[in-house]
């Protein structure tokens, strides 16, 4: 080429904008496996902000993440996990991430987490004079299987065994007992 290439560098200052987030939460009270909905719209001035990351936590535990759509709207719908403790818990919604052109905004609200009633089906059989084999299933009263829960079967203060529920809420195990005693306590 008869033309010599030329490179020009120019510094550009980018100021981050402070977004406005109109966020709605429902319900105000939930228990395990209830759907928690967090919806909102993120704008700056009157401009909808698309593709902005939104992350949520409940009781400090990561919950669900999303991004705003072309209209600046995000929707999160997710069942409440069993790991969220009972009582009044904080929902935290973090809009944007640090060091980006959209400043980070954190909004909080409270969620009343109610305990969930459970049912335990349990059968056992004494296989010899000193062993009891057992099998059972742990579910909610609505029939949802509860996985990865520890079940402690004990005979008074002398012996106990810990078993964990599988994906279907089932557990099994065996317990050595004194021949004159029976299983006196079941904890889960």
Protein backbone atom coordinates (compact mmCIF):
# COMPACT_ATOMS: atom_id res chain seq x y z
CA UNK A 1 0.00 0.00 0.00
CA UNK A 2 1.21 3.49 -0.72
CA UNK A 3 -0.36 4.62 2.57
CA UNK A 4 1.41 4.12 5.85
CA UNK A 5 -0.65 2.74 8.68
CA UNK A 6 -1.26 4.96 11.65
CA UNK A 7 -2.52 4.08 15.08
CA UNK A 8 -4.29 6.60 17.25
CA UNK A 9 -5.06 5.97 20.90
CA UNK A 10 -7.57 8.02 22.79
CA UNK A 11 -8.49 7.71 26.45
CA UNK A 12 -12.18 7.51 27.16
CA UNK A 13 -13.61 7.95 30.62
CA UNK A 14 -16.50 5.63 31.41
CA UNK A 15 -18.61 6.56 34.38
CA UNK A 16 -20.78 3.82 35.80
CA UNK A 17 -24.50 4.42 36.04
CA UNK A 18 -26.55 3.82 39.16
CA UNK A 19 -29.42 1.53 38.23
CA UNK A 20 -32.92 1.63 39.63
CA UNK A 21 -34.42 -1.75 40.39
CA UNK A 22 -38.12 -2.26 40.96
CA UNK A 23 -38.21 -5.69 42.61
CA UNK A 24 -41.19 -7.77 43.81
CA UNK A 25 -41.05 -10.82 46.03
CA UNK A 26 -43.61 -13.52 46.72
CA UNK A 27 -44.68 -15.17 48.91
CA UNK A 28 -43.81 -13.49 52.20
CA UNK A 29 -43.97 -16.88 53.95
CA UNK A 30 -42.72 -20.19 52.53
CA UNK A 31 -41.56 -23.62 53.53
CA UNK A 32 -39.43 -26.30 51.91
CA UNK A 33 -40.25 -26.87 48.22
CA UNK A 34 -42.61 -23.84 47.95
CA UNK A 35 -41.80 -21.73 44.88
CA UNK A 36 -40.16 -18.42 45.74
CA UNK A 37 -40.56 -15.75 43.04
CA UNK A 38 -38.33 -12.72 42.67
CA UNK A 39 -39.13 -10.45 39.72
CA UNK A 40 -37.90 -7.04 38.79
CA UNK A 41 -36.99 -4.43 36.22
CA UNK A 42 -33.61 -2.70 36.04
CA UNK A 43 -33.38 0.75 34.48
CA UNK A 44 -31.10 3.77 34.42
CA UNK A 45 -33.05 6.94 33.91
CA UNK A 46 -35.72 5.75 31.55
CA UNK A 47 -33.54 3.26 29.71
CA UNK A 48 -34.02 -0.47 30.29
CA UNK A 49 -30.75 -2.21 31.05
CA UNK A 50 -30.39 -5.55 29.29
CA UNK A 51 -28.03 -8.43 30.06
CA UNK A 52 -27.34 -7.24 33.62
CA UNK A 53 -26.46 -10.10 36.01
CA UNK A 54 -28.78 -10.62 38.99
CA UNK A 55 -27.87 -13.02 41.79
CA UNK A 56 -29.83 -13.92 44.90
CA UNK A 57 -29.19 -15.46 48.29
CA UNK A 58 -31.56 -16.62 51.02
CA UNK A 59 -30.20 -16.81 54.57
CA UNK A 60 -26.74 -16.21 53.09
CA UNK A 61 -26.98 -19.30 50.85
CA UNK A 62 -26.76 -18.92 47.05
CA UNK A 63 -30.27 -19.25 45.62
CA UNK A 64 -30.59 -18.52 41.90
CA UNK A 65 -29.03 -16.23 39.29
CA UNK A 66 -30.45 -14.65 36.15
CA UNK A 67 -29.80 -11.86 33.65
CA UNK A 68 -32.11 -9.08 32.58
CA UNK A 69 -33.78 -9.48 29.19
CA UNK A 70 -34.05 -6.86 26.40
CA UNK A 71 -36.63 -4.93 28.43
CA UNK A 72 -34.46 -4.96 31.58
CA UNK A 73 -36.72 -7.53 33.26
CA UNK A 74 -35.57 -10.53 35.29
CA UNK A 75 -37.61 -13.43 36.68
CA UNK A 76 -36.49 -15.98 39.23
CA UNK A 77 -38.76 -18.85 40.24
CA UNK A 78 -37.23 -21.64 42.28
CA UNK A 79 -38.36 -24.05 45.02
CA UNK A 80 -37.10 -23.17 48.49
CA UNK A 81 -34.32 -25.63 49.39
CA UNK A 82 -34.45 -27.63 52.60
CA UNK A 83 -31.13 -26.14 53.73
CA UNK A 84 -32.73 -22.76 54.51
CA UNK A 85 -33.35 -22.61 58.28
CA UNK A 86 -36.75 -21.88 59.82
CA UNK A 87 -37.56 -18.39 61.03
CA UNK A 88 -37.22 -14.94 59.51
CA UNK A 89 -34.54 -15.07 56.83
CA UNK A 90 -33.10 -12.38 54.59
CA UNK A 91 -33.39 -12.46 50.80
CA UNK A 92 -30.59 -10.49 49.16
CA UNK A 93 -30.77 -9.51 45.49
CA UNK A 94 -27.50 -8.27 43.96
CA UNK A 95 -27.92 -6.41 40.69
CA UNK A 96 -24.82 -6.10 38.49
CA UNK A 97 -21.31 -6.96 39.58
CA UNK A 98 -18.51 -4.89 40.96
CA UNK A 99 -16.30 -2.87 38.62
CA UNK A 100 -18.72 -2.73 35.69
CA UNK A 101 -20.40 0.13 33.84
CA UNK A 102 -23.58 -0.51 35.87
CA UNK A 103 -22.96 0.04 39.57
CA UNK A 104 -23.77 -2.79 41.92
CA UNK A 105 -27.00 -2.43 43.88
CA UNK A 106 -28.07 -4.75 46.69
CA UNK A 107 -31.69 -4.98 47.82
CA UNK A 108 -32.94 -6.98 50.78
CA UNK A 109 -36.24 -8.19 52.12
CA UNK A 110 -37.34 -10.76 54.65
CA UNK A 111 -38.90 -14.17 54.12
CA UNK A 112 -40.65 -16.03 56.92
CA UNK A 113 -39.57 -19.67 56.56
CA UNK A 114 -42.00 -22.10 58.20
CA UNK A 115 -41.08 -25.61 59.25
CA UNK A 116 -42.25 -28.44 57.03
CA UNK A 117 -44.10 -31.38 58.53
CA UNK A 118 -42.63 -34.76 57.70
CA UNK A 119 -43.71 -38.38 57.79
CA UNK A 120 -41.52 -41.34 58.57
CA UNK A 121 -42.41 -44.88 57.48
CA UNK A 122 -40.34 -47.38 59.43
CA UNK A 123 -40.28 -51.16 59.65
CA UNK A 124 -37.86 -53.45 61.42
CA UNK A 125 -37.28 -57.14 61.94
CA UNK A 126 -35.16 -58.92 64.50
CA UNK A 127 -32.87 -61.18 62.44
CA UNK A 128 -31.28 -62.96 65.40
CA UNK A 129 -31.09 -62.46 69.12
CA UNK A 130 -28.90 -59.36 68.90
CA UNK A 131 -29.55 -57.66 65.52
CA UNK A 132 -32.43 -55.63 64.18
CA UNK A 133 -32.60 -54.81 60.45
CA UNK A 134 -34.63 -51.72 59.56
CA UNK A 135 -35.83 -49.88 56.46
CA UNK A 136 -37.83 -46.69 56.12
CA UNK A 137 -38.67 -43.62 54.08
CA UNK A 138 -38.73 -39.95 55.05
CA UNK A 139 -41.11 -37.64 53.17
CA UNK A 140 -43.01 -34.44 53.70
CA UNK A 141 -46.71 -34.84 54.52
CA UNK A 142 -47.33 -33.80 50.91
CA UNK A 143 -45.29 -36.81 49.73
CA UNK A 144 -42.04 -35.14 48.64
CA UNK A 145 -39.08 -37.45 49.28
CA UNK A 146 -36.38 -35.98 51.48
CA UNK A 147 -32.89 -36.95 50.38
CA UNK A 148 -29.56 -36.66 52.18
CA UNK A 149 -31.06 -36.53 55.69
CA UNK A 150 -29.42 -38.36 58.52
CA UNK A 151 -31.53 -40.82 60.51
CA UNK A 152 -30.33 -41.93 63.92
CA UNK A 153 -31.77 -45.12 65.35
CA UNK A 154 -30.73 -45.82 68.90
CA UNK A 155 -31.40 -48.19 71.75
CA UNK A 156 -31.42 -46.10 74.88
CA UNK A 157 -27.93 -44.82 75.64
CA UNK A 158 -26.08 -48.01 74.71
CA UNK A 159 -26.00 -48.22 70.90
CA UNK A 160 -27.03 -46.25 67.86
CA UNK A 161 -26.59 -46.27 64.10
CA UNK A 162 -26.70 -43.39 61.63
CA UNK A 163 -28.17 -43.87 58.18
CA UNK A 164 -28.69 -41.35 55.37
CA UNK A 165 -31.72 -41.10 53.10
CA UNK A 166 -31.17 -41.67 49.37
CA UNK A 167 -32.69 -39.64 46.49
CA UNK A 168 -36.09 -41.26 47.14
CA UNK A 169 -35.99 -40.63 50.88
CA UNK A 170 -35.30 -44.28 51.73
CA UNK A 171 -32.84 -45.45 54.35
CA UNK A 172 -31.83 -48.80 55.86
CA UNK A 173 -29.43 -50.30 58.35
CA UNK A 174 -28.98 -52.67 61.21
CA UNK A 175 -28.60 -52.19 64.94
CA UNK A 176 -27.03 -54.49 67.51
CA UNK A 177 -29.15 -54.60 70.62
CA UNK A 178 -29.14 -56.27 73.97
CA UNK A 179 -31.34 -59.34 73.76
CA UNK A 180 -33.64 -58.11 76.53
CA UNK A 181 -34.18 -54.65 75.09
CA UNK A 182 -35.89 -53.10 72.10
CA UNK A 183 -35.38 -49.99 70.04
CA UNK A 184 -36.34 -47.21 72.41
CA UNK A 185 -35.71 -44.07 70.43
CA UNK A 186 -35.85 -42.91 66.83
CA UNK A 187 -34.39 -39.53 65.90
CA UNK A 188 -34.03 -37.83 62.52
